[in-house]
Each structure stands twice: as C-alpha cells, then as structure tokens.
Amino acid sequence: MSLTLVAPQTEATATAPILAPREQEALRHIAAGCTYLQTARQMGLSKHTVDAYLRRIRAKLNISTTAEMTRLAISMGL
C-alpha cells in the first residue's frame, strides 16, 4: 500500500485563484474566529453579503462546514 501526501502549499496554489479577493478576505475573518456580523463590520458590508461570499466559497470548493473553511484558510496562508 502506498500513501501519497499532498502538501498544503500545493492545495493553496490550486484553490487561491478560484476565490475573489473579497471572498478571501471574508474567509480570513471567519477563520480567525469572527462572526458573520463582525466580519461584515470589518469589511464594511452587510451580514447578508458576507453570507453570500461564504456560500459561494462553499459551492466553489465543495465544502460544507466552518471547520473545513478554516482548514482551507490556513492551507492558503490567509
């Protein structure tokens, strides 16, 4: 049996161009532990816009939990 490990940098390079800059910024705030409302205030947006960004991130990257988004943000170096 052979195991292949993928380095986080490889994954980050593959996913980074997919996300728009504002989506990356929202992801960074959420991964840092901010709520949607805190993220919205820091970005100067409505809570609904932040929710839309995060829904798009989930759809683009086929992830469903905040934990997965946090892992992704860490692997992307956000």
C-alpha atoms as a PDB file:
ATOM      1  CA  MET A   1       0.000   0.000   0.000  1.00  0.00           C
ATOM      2  CA  SER A   2       1.329   3.389  -0.963  1.00  0.00           C
ATOM      3  CA  LEU A   3       0.297   6.691   0.607  1.00  0.00           C
ATOM      4  CA  THR A   4       0.595   9.986  -1.162  1.00  0.00           C
ATOM      5  CA  LEU A   5       0.664  13.165   0.855  1.00  0.00           C
ATOM      6  CA  VAL A   6      -0.293  16.499  -0.645  1.00  0.00           C
ATOM      7  CA  ALA A   7       1.476  19.483   0.806  1.00  0.00           C
ATOM      8  CA  PRO A   8      -0.800  22.346   1.909  1.00  0.00           C
ATOM      9  CA  GLN A   9       1.067  24.741  -0.381  1.00  0.00           C
ATOM     10  CA  THR A  10       0.069  22.666  -3.412  1.00  0.00           C
ATOM     11  CA  GLU A  11      -3.585  22.820  -2.412  1.00  0.00           C
ATOM     12  CA  ALA A  12      -3.397  26.533  -1.670  1.00  0.00           C
ATOM     13  CA  THR A  13      -1.882  27.247  -5.051  1.00  0.00           C
ATOM     14  CA  ALA A  14      -4.631  25.269  -6.745  1.00  0.00           C
ATOM     15  CA  THR A  15      -7.508  26.972  -4.898  1.00  0.00           C
ATOM     16  CA  ALA A  16      -6.227  30.535  -4.463  1.00  0.00           C
ATOM     17  CA  PRO A  17      -7.076  31.813  -7.977  1.00  0.00           C
ATOM     18  CA  ILE A  18     -10.609  30.430  -7.697  1.00  0.00           C
ATOM     19  CA  LEU A  19     -11.568  32.810  -4.887  1.00  0.00           C
ATOM     20  CA  ALA A  20     -12.125  36.504  -5.465  1.00  0.00           C
ATOM     21  CA  PRO A  21     -10.139  38.875  -3.233  1.00  0.00           C
ATOM     22  CA  ARG A  22     -13.211  39.796  -1.154  1.00  0.00           C
ATOM     23  CA  GLU A  23     -14.085  36.109  -0.733  1.00  0.00           C
ATOM     24  CA  GLN A  24     -10.539  35.507   0.518  1.00  0.00           C
ATOM     25  CA  GLU A  25     -10.879  38.410   2.934  1.00  0.00           C
ATOM     26  CA  ALA A  26     -14.193  37.108   4.296  1.00  0.00           C
ATOM     27  CA  LEU A  27     -12.683  33.637   4.629  1.00  0.00           C
ATOM     28  CA  ARG A  28      -9.729  35.060   6.551  1.00  0.00           C
ATOM     29  CA  HIS A  29     -12.041  36.803   9.054  1.00  0.00           C
ATOM     30  CA  ILE A  30     -14.189  33.714   9.591  1.00  0.00           C
ATOM     31  CA  ALA A  31     -11.102  31.515  10.025  1.00  0.00           C
ATOM     32  CA  ALA A  32      -9.834  33.998  12.634  1.00  0.00           C
ATOM     33  CA  GLY A  33     -12.993  33.337  14.649  1.00  0.00           C
ATOM     34  CA  CYS A  34     -15.085  36.366  13.695  1.00  0.00           C
ATOM     35  CA  THR A  35     -18.848  36.053  13.400  1.00  0.00           C
ATOM     36  CA  TYR A  36     -20.649  36.979  10.194  1.00  0.00           C
ATOM     37  CA  LEU A  37     -21.662  40.297  11.786  1.00  0.00           C
ATOM     38  CA  GLN A  38     -18.127  41.089  12.964  1.00  0.00           C
ATOM     39  CA  THR A  39     -16.777  40.198   9.519  1.00  0.00           C
ATOM     40  CA  ALA A  40     -19.382  42.408   7.861  1.00  0.00           C
ATOM     41  CA  ARG A  41     -18.499  45.367  10.070  1.00  0.00           C
ATOM     42  CA  GLN A  42     -14.765  44.971   9.479  1.00  0.00           C
ATOM     43  CA  MET A  43     -15.265  44.706   5.710  1.00  0.00           C
ATOM     44  CA  GLY A  44     -17.866  47.489   5.541  1.00  0.00           C
ATOM     45  CA  LEU A  45     -20.554  45.135   4.212  1.00  0.00           C
ATOM     46  CA  SER A  46     -23.913  43.775   5.280  1.00  0.00           C
ATOM     47  CA  LYS A  47     -24.162  40.449   7.071  1.00  0.00           C
ATOM     48  CA  HIS A  48     -26.075  39.138   4.063  1.00  0.00           C
ATOM     49  CA  THR A  49     -23.231  39.970   1.687  1.00  0.00           C
ATOM     50  CA  VAL A  50     -20.755  38.117   3.911  1.00  0.00           C
ATOM     51  CA  ASP A  51     -23.150  35.170   3.963  1.00  0.00           C
ATOM     52  CA  ALA A  52     -23.302  35.279   0.147  1.00  0.00           C
ATOM     53  CA  TYR A  53     -19.491  35.297  -0.110  1.00  0.00           C
ATOM     54  CA  LEU A  54     -19.213  32.307   2.200  1.00  0.00           C
ATOM     55  CA  ARG A  55     -21.961  30.405   0.353  1.00  0.00           C
ATOM     56  CA  ARG A  56     -20.042  30.984  -2.893  1.00  0.00           C
ATOM     57  CA  ILE A  57     -16.823  29.733  -1.280  1.00  0.00           C
ATOM     58  CA  ARG A  58     -18.599  26.591  -0.082  1.00  0.00           C
ATOM     59  CA  ALA A  59     -20.093  25.985  -3.524  1.00  0.00           C
ATOM     60  CA  LYS A  60     -16.872  26.654  -5.441  1.00  0.00           C
ATOM     61  CA  LEU A  61     -14.767  24.403  -3.231  1.00  0.00           C
ATOM     62  CA  ASN A  62     -17.426  21.822  -2.356  1.00  0.00           C
ATOM     63  CA  ILE A  63     -17.068  22.252   1.405  1.00  0.00           C
ATOM     64  CA  SER A  64     -19.843  22.417   3.953  1.00  0.00           C
ATOM     65  CA  THR A  65     -18.527  23.346   7.382  1.00  0.00           C
ATOM     66  CA  THR A  66     -16.778  26.276   9.011  1.00  0.00           C
ATOM     67  CA  ALA A  67     -14.065  23.869  10.159  1.00  0.00           C
ATOM     68  CA  GLU A  68     -13.343  22.957   6.535  1.00  0.00           C
ATOM     69  CA  MET A  69     -13.266  26.647   5.601  1.00  0.00           C
ATOM     70  CA  THR A  70     -10.838  27.317   8.449  1.00  0.00           C
ATOM     71  CA  ARG A  71      -8.589  24.458   7.347  1.00  0.00           C
ATOM     72  CA  LEU A  72      -8.660  25.844   3.802  1.00  0.00           C
ATOM     73  CA  ALA A  73      -7.777  29.348   5.001  1.00  0.00           C
ATOM     74  CA  ILE A  74      -4.829  28.008   6.959  1.00  0.00           C
ATOM     75  CA  SER A  75      -3.603  25.981   3.994  1.00  0.00           C
ATOM     76  CA  MET A  76      -3.902  29.099   1.797  1.00  0.00           C
ATOM     77  CA  GLY A  77      -1.882  31.132   4.279  1.00  0.00           C
ATOM     78  CA  LEU A  78      -4.740  33.525   4.996  1.00  0.00           C
END
